[in-house]
PDB file of N, CA and C in Angstrom:
ATOM      1  N   MET A   1      14.412 -13.662  -1.937  1.00  0.00           N
ATOM      2  CA  MET A   1      13.667 -12.930  -1.567  1.00  0.00           C
ATOM      3  C   MET A   1      13.705 -12.639  -0.244  1.00  0.00           C
ATOM      4  N   ASN A   2      14.173 -11.350   0.694  1.00  0.00           N
ATOM      5  CA  ASN A   2      14.052 -11.255   1.740  1.00  0.00           C
ATOM      6  C   ASN A   2      12.626 -10.626   2.554  1.00  0.00           C
ATOM      7  N   ARG A   3      12.642 -10.695   3.890  1.00  0.00           N
ATOM      8  CA  ARG A   3      11.454 -10.692   4.629  1.00  0.00           C
ATOM      9  C   ARG A   3      10.843  -9.019   3.980  1.00  0.00           C
ATOM     10  N   THR A   4      11.702  -8.059   4.142  1.00  0.00           N
ATOM     11  CA  THR A   4      11.273  -6.804   3.459  1.00  0.00           C
ATOM     12  C   THR A   4      10.553  -6.873   2.344  1.00  0.00           C
ATOM     13  N   ASP A   5      11.732  -7.730   1.049  1.00  0.00           N
ATOM     14  CA  ASP A   5      10.543  -7.690  -0.136  1.00  0.00           C
ATOM     15  C   ASP A   5       8.953  -8.380   0.177  1.00  0.00           C
ATOM     16  N   GLU A   6       9.013  -9.430   1.053  1.00  0.00           N
ATOM     17  CA  GLU A   6       7.526  -9.939   0.849  1.00  0.00           C
ATOM     18  C   GLU A   6       6.915  -8.793   1.428  1.00  0.00           C
ATOM     19  N   LEU A   7       7.082  -8.143   2.554  1.00  0.00           N
ATOM     20  CA  LEU A   7       6.420  -7.362   3.035  1.00  0.00           C
ATOM     21  C   LEU A   7       5.698  -6.239   2.180  1.00  0.00           C
ATOM     22  N   PHE A   8       6.838  -5.758   1.465  1.00  0.00           N
ATOM     23  CA  PHE A   8       6.148  -5.010   0.399  1.00  0.00           C
ATOM     24  C   PHE A   8       5.384  -5.324  -0.641  1.00  0.00           C
ATOM     25  N   PHE A   9       5.512  -6.642  -0.976  1.00  0.00           N
ATOM     26  CA  PHE A   9       4.796  -7.367  -2.309  1.00  0.00           C
ATOM     27  C   PHE A   9       3.311  -7.615  -1.499  1.00  0.00           C
ATOM     28  N   GLU A  10       3.241  -7.482  -0.107  1.00  0.00           N
ATOM     29  CA  GLU A  10       1.830  -8.231   0.592  1.00  0.00           C
ATOM     30  C   GLU A  10       1.276  -6.707   0.654  1.00  0.00           C
ATOM     31  N   ILE A  11       1.953  -5.572   0.939  1.00  0.00           N
ATOM     32  CA  ILE A  11       1.350  -4.527   0.686  1.00  0.00           C
ATOM     33  C   ILE A  11       0.732  -3.790  -0.276  1.00  0.00           C
ATOM     34  N   ILE A  12       1.484  -4.386  -1.376  1.00  0.00           N
ATOM     35  CA  ILE A  12       0.681  -4.225  -2.700  1.00  0.00           C
ATOM     36  C   ILE A  12      -0.269  -4.597  -3.025  1.00  0.00           C
ATOM     37  N   GLU A  13      -0.415  -6.029  -2.858  1.00  0.00           N
ATOM     38  CA  GLU A  13      -1.523  -6.621  -2.532  1.00  0.00           C
ATOM     39  C   GLU A  13      -3.001  -6.170  -2.155  1.00  0.00           C
ATOM     40  N   THR A  14      -2.073  -5.852  -0.805  1.00  0.00           N
ATOM     41  CA  THR A  14      -3.415  -5.158   0.152  1.00  0.00           C
ATOM     42  C   THR A  14      -3.777  -3.841  -0.663  1.00  0.00           C
ATOM     43  N   TYR A  15      -2.891  -3.150  -0.779  1.00  0.00           N
ATOM     44  CA  TYR A  15      -3.148  -1.856  -1.694  1.00  0.00           C
ATOM     45  C   TYR A  15      -4.181  -1.917  -2.817  1.00  0.00           C
ATOM     46  N   GLN A  16      -3.919  -2.995  -3.532  1.00  0.00           N
ATOM     47  CA  GLN A  16      -4.712  -3.378  -4.741  1.00  0.00           C
ATOM     48  C   GLN A  16      -6.310  -3.550  -4.078  1.00  0.00           C
ATOM     49  N   ARG A  17      -6.302  -4.442  -3.373  1.00  0.00           N
ATOM     50  CA  ARG A  17      -7.690  -4.639  -2.947  1.00  0.00           C
ATOM     51  C   ARG A  17      -8.457  -3.472  -2.559  1.00  0.00           C
ATOM     52  N   HIS A  18      -7.828  -2.902  -1.892  1.00  0.00           N
ATOM     53  CA  HIS A  18      -8.296  -1.440  -1.160  1.00  0.00           C
ATOM     54  C   HIS A  18      -8.418  -0.431  -2.488  1.00  0.00           C
ATOM     55  N   ALA A  19      -7.760  -0.530  -3.223  1.00  0.00           N
ATOM     56  CA  ALA A  19      -8.123   0.402  -4.497  1.00  0.00           C
ATOM     57  C   ALA A  19      -9.438   0.109  -4.801  1.00  0.00           C
ATOM     58  N   ARG A  20      -9.746  -1.606  -5.347  1.00  0.00           N
ATOM     59  CA  ARG A  20     -10.675  -1.926  -5.931  1.00  0.00           C
ATOM     60  C   ARG A  20     -11.942  -1.310  -4.950  1.00  0.00           C
ATOM     61  N   ALA A  21     -11.900  -1.661  -3.865  1.00  0.00           N
ATOM     62  CA  ALA A  21     -12.993  -1.312  -2.908  1.00  0.00           C
ATOM     63  C   ALA A  21     -13.439   0.135  -3.105  1.00  0.00           C
ATOM     64  N   VAL A  22     -12.062   1.246  -3.213  1.00  0.00           N
ATOM     65  CA  VAL A  22     -12.538   2.698  -3.356  1.00  0.00           C
ATOM     66  C   VAL A  22     -13.682   2.592  -4.636  1.00  0.00           C
ATOM     67  N   LYS A  23     -13.183   1.968  -5.742  1.00  0.00           N
ATOM     68  CA  LYS A  23     -13.525   2.003  -7.326  1.00  0.00           C
ATOM     69  C   LYS A  23     -15.002   1.190  -7.024  1.00  0.00           C
ATOM     70  N   ASN A  24     -15.307   0.400  -6.355  1.00  0.00           N
ATOM     71  CA  ASN A  24     -16.727  -0.095  -6.225  1.00  0.00           C
ATOM     72  C   ASN A  24     -17.381   0.246  -5.197  1.00  0.00           C
ATOM     73  N   ALA A  25     -16.993   1.194  -4.456  1.00  0.00           N
ATOM     74  CA  ALA A  25     -17.536   1.748  -3.535  1.00  0.00           C
ATOM     75  C   ALA A  25     -18.978   2.475  -3.602  1.00  0.00           C
ATOM     76  N   LYS A  26     -20.159   2.114  -3.104  1.00  0.00           N
ATOM     77  CA  LYS A  26     -21.313   2.267  -3.587  1.00  0.00           C
ATOM     78  C   LYS A  26     -21.855   3.626  -2.546  1.00  0.00           C
ATOM     79  N   TYR A  27     -21.094   3.878  -1.548  1.00  0.00           N
ATOM     80  CA  TYR A  27     -21.757   5.198  -0.788  1.00  0.00           C
ATOM     81  C   TYR A  27     -20.747   6.013  -0.514  1.00  0.00           C
ATOM     82  N   GLN A  28     -20.744   7.354  -0.478  1.00  0.00           N
ATOM     83  CA  GLN A  28     -19.717   8.344  -0.524  1.00  0.00           C
ATOM     84  C   GLN A  28     -18.737   7.992   0.851  1.00  0.00           C
ATOM     85  N   LYS A  29     -19.430   8.230   2.137  1.00  0.00           N
ATOM     86  CA  LYS A  29     -18.623   7.800   3.136  1.00  0.00           C
ATOM     87  C   LYS A  29     -17.995   6.472   3.228  1.00  0.00           C
ATOM     88  N   THR A  30     -18.392   5.427   2.678  1.00  0.00           N
ATOM     89  CA  THR A  30     -17.320   4.085   2.212  1.00  0.00           C
ATOM     90  C   THR A  30     -15.905   4.501   1.354  1.00  0.00           C
ATOM     91  N   ARG A  31     -16.488   5.089   0.356  1.00  0.00           N
ATOM     92  CA  ARG A  31     -15.533   5.600  -0.643  1.00  0.00           C
ATOM     93  C   ARG A  31     -14.423   6.410   0.419  1.00  0.00           C
ATOM     94  N   GLU A  32     -14.731   6.956   1.122  1.00  0.00           N
ATOM     95  CA  GLU A  32     -13.646   8.005   1.815  1.00  0.00           C
ATOM     96  C   GLU A  32     -13.064   7.487   2.554  1.00  0.00           C
ATOM     97  N   MET A  33     -13.834   6.158   3.402  1.00  0.00           N
ATOM     98  CA  MET A  33     -12.890   5.675   4.575  1.00  0.00           C
ATOM     99  C   MET A  33     -11.794   4.665   3.698  1.00  0.00           C
ATOM    100  N   ALA A  34     -12.383   3.896   2.439  1.00  0.00           N
ATOM    101  CA  ALA A  34     -11.526   3.143   1.783  1.00  0.00           C
ATOM    102  C   ALA A  34     -10.369   4.128   0.950  1.00  0.00           C
ATOM    103  N   GLU A  35     -10.186   5.193   0.821  1.00  0.00           N
ATOM    104  CA  GLU A  35      -9.508   6.017   0.691  1.00  0.00           C
ATOM    105  C   GLU A  35      -8.260   6.668   1.557  1.00  0.00           C
ATOM    106  N   LEU A  36      -8.963   6.255   2.691  1.00  0.00           N
ATOM    107  CA  LEU A  36      -7.919   6.709   4.026  1.00  0.00           C
ATOM    108  C   LEU A  36      -7.164   5.592   4.531  1.00  0.00           C
ATOM    109  N   VAL A  37      -7.974   4.215   3.944  1.00  0.00           N
ATOM    110  CA  VAL A  37      -7.037   3.213   3.992  1.00  0.00           C
ATOM    111  C   VAL A  37      -5.836   3.245   3.199  1.00  0.00           C
ATOM    112  N   LEU A  38      -6.297   3.721   1.927  1.00  0.00           N
ATOM    113  CA  LEU A  38      -5.218   3.337   0.788  1.00  0.00           C
ATOM    114  C   LEU A  38      -3.772   4.530   1.041  1.00  0.00           C
ATOM    115  N   ASP A  39      -4.296   5.488   1.826  1.00  0.00           N
ATOM    116  CA  ASP A  39      -3.156   6.833   2.092  1.00  0.00           C
ATOM    117  C   ASP A  39      -2.226   5.950   3.160  1.00  0.00           C
ATOM    118  N   THR A  40      -3.077   4.973   4.012  1.00  0.00           N
ATOM    119  CA  THR A  40      -2.275   4.500   4.774  1.00  0.00           C
ATOM    120  C   THR A  40      -0.996   3.510   4.479  1.00  0.00           C
ATOM    121  N   ASP A  41      -1.762   2.703   3.275  1.00  0.00           N
ATOM    122  CA  ASP A  41      -1.028   1.589   2.518  1.00  0.00           C
ATOM    123  C   ASP A  41       0.259   2.231   1.761  1.00  0.00           C
ATOM    124  N   ILE A  42      -0.159   3.573   1.367  1.00  0.00           N
ATOM    125  CA  ILE A  42       0.734   4.163   0.776  1.00  0.00           C
ATOM    126  C   ILE A  42       1.829   4.772   1.467  1.00  0.00           C
ATOM    127  N   THR A  43       1.535   5.595   2.988  1.00  0.00           N
ATOM    128  CA  THR A  43       2.570   5.584   3.834  1.00  0.00           C
ATOM    129  C   THR A  43       3.341   4.064   4.329  1.00  0.00           C
ATOM    130  N   ALA A  44       2.873   3.292   4.325  1.00  0.00           N
ATOM    131  CA  ALA A  44       3.365   1.980   4.784  1.00  0.00           C
ATOM    132  C   ALA A  44       4.594   1.422   3.602  1.00  0.00           C
ATOM    133  N   MET A  45       4.149   1.921   2.233  1.00  0.00           N
ATOM    134  CA  MET A  45       5.011   1.707   1.462  1.00  0.00           C
ATOM    135  C   MET A  45       6.251   2.315   1.384  1.00  0.00           C
ATOM    136  N   TRP A  46       5.963   3.692   1.636  1.00  0.00           N
ATOM    137  CA  TRP A  46       6.908   4.952   1.453  1.00  0.00           C
ATOM    138  C   TRP A  46       7.982   4.186   2.842  1.00  0.00           C
ATOM    139  N   PHE A  47       7.345   4.179   4.237  1.00  0.00           N
ATOM    140  CA  PHE A  47       8.508   3.928   5.147  1.00  0.00           C
ATOM    141  C   PHE A  47       9.307   2.528   5.230  1.00  0.00           C
ATOM    142  N   LEU A  48       8.654   1.433   4.418  1.00  0.00           N
ATOM    143  CA  LEU A  48       9.393   0.609   4.148  1.00  0.00           C
ATOM    144  C   LEU A  48      10.289   0.788   3.021  1.00  0.00           C
ATOM    145  N   THR A  49       9.939   1.498   2.264  1.00  0.00           N
ATOM    146  CA  THR A  49      11.792   1.801   1.651  1.00  0.00           C
ATOM    147  C   THR A  49      12.182   2.719   1.935  1.00  0.00           C
ATOM    148  N   GLN A  50      12.291   3.105   2.834  1.00  0.00           N
ATOM    149  CA  GLN A  50      12.971   4.352   3.547  1.00  0.00           C
ATOM    150  C   GLN A  50      13.762   3.751   4.672  1.00  0.00           C
ATOM    151  N   LYS A  51      13.117   3.002   5.184  1.00  0.00           N
ATOM    152  CA  LYS A  51      13.892   1.865   6.222  1.00  0.00           C
ATOM    153  C   LYS A  51      15.129   1.385   5.898  1.00  0.00           C
ATOM    154  N   THR A  52      14.875   0.518   4.773  1.00  0.00           N
ATOM    155  CA  THR A  52      15.720  -0.406   4.115  1.00  0.00           C
ATOM    156  C   THR A  52      16.895   0.304   3.039  1.00  0.00           C
ATOM    157  N   GLN A  53      17.980   0.395   2.823  1.00  0.00           N
ATOM    158  CA  GLN A  53      18.531   1.167   2.058  1.00  0.00           C
ATOM    159  C   GLN A  53      18.695   0.102   0.530  1.00  0.00           C
ATOM    160  N   GLY A  54      18.688  -0.889   0.798  1.00  0.00           N
ATOM    161  CA  GLY A  54      19.079  -1.626  -0.024  1.00  0.00           C
ATOM    162  C   GLY A  54      17.815  -1.741  -1.033  1.00  0.00           C
ATOM    163  N   THR A  55      16.545  -2.210  -0.517  1.00  0.00           N
ATOM    164  CA  THR A  55      15.149  -2.161  -0.944  1.00  0.00           C
ATOM    165  C   THR A  55      14.841  -0.695  -1.650  1.00  0.00           C
ATOM    166  N   ARG A  56      15.339   0.486  -1.199  1.00  0.00           N
ATOM    167  CA  ARG A  56      14.908   1.361  -2.113  1.00  0.00           C
ATOM    168  C   ARG A  56      15.778   1.882  -3.181  1.00  0.00           C
ATOM    169  N   CYS A  57      16.886   1.376  -3.115  1.00  0.00           N
ATOM    170  CA  CYS A  57      17.728   1.616  -4.486  1.00  0.00           C
ATOM    171  C   CYS A  57      17.425   0.386  -5.265  1.00  0.00           C
ATOM    172  N   ARG A  58      16.917  -0.591  -5.050  1.00  0.00           N
ATOM    173  CA  ARG A  58      16.165  -1.439  -5.906  1.00  0.00           C
ATOM    174  C   ARG A  58      15.033  -0.947  -6.831  1.00  0.00           C
ATOM    175  N   LEU A  59      14.045  -0.348  -6.063  1.00  0.00           N
ATOM    176  CA  LEU A  59      12.768   0.455  -6.493  1.00  0.00           C
ATOM    177  C   LEU A  59      12.648   1.675  -7.218  1.00  0.00           C
ATOM    178  N   MET A  60      14.192   2.251  -7.252  1.00  0.00           N
ATOM    179  CA  MET A  60      14.437   3.385  -8.066  1.00  0.00           C
ATOM    180  C   MET A  60      14.906   3.141  -9.422  1.00  0.00           C
TER     181      MET A  60
END
């Protein structure tokens, strides 16, 4: 596994933790902040797959 793959899997694990935070958020403001972080995670995953052609092909 190369470093790009490792980063991608780390981002997925982080995304899953943040998704649990959204699900378990007690207050609306906390939920909104966690959702913003999730959006950042999704953007990071998208950029990671766009920067490396081989990774993008394997994910599709």
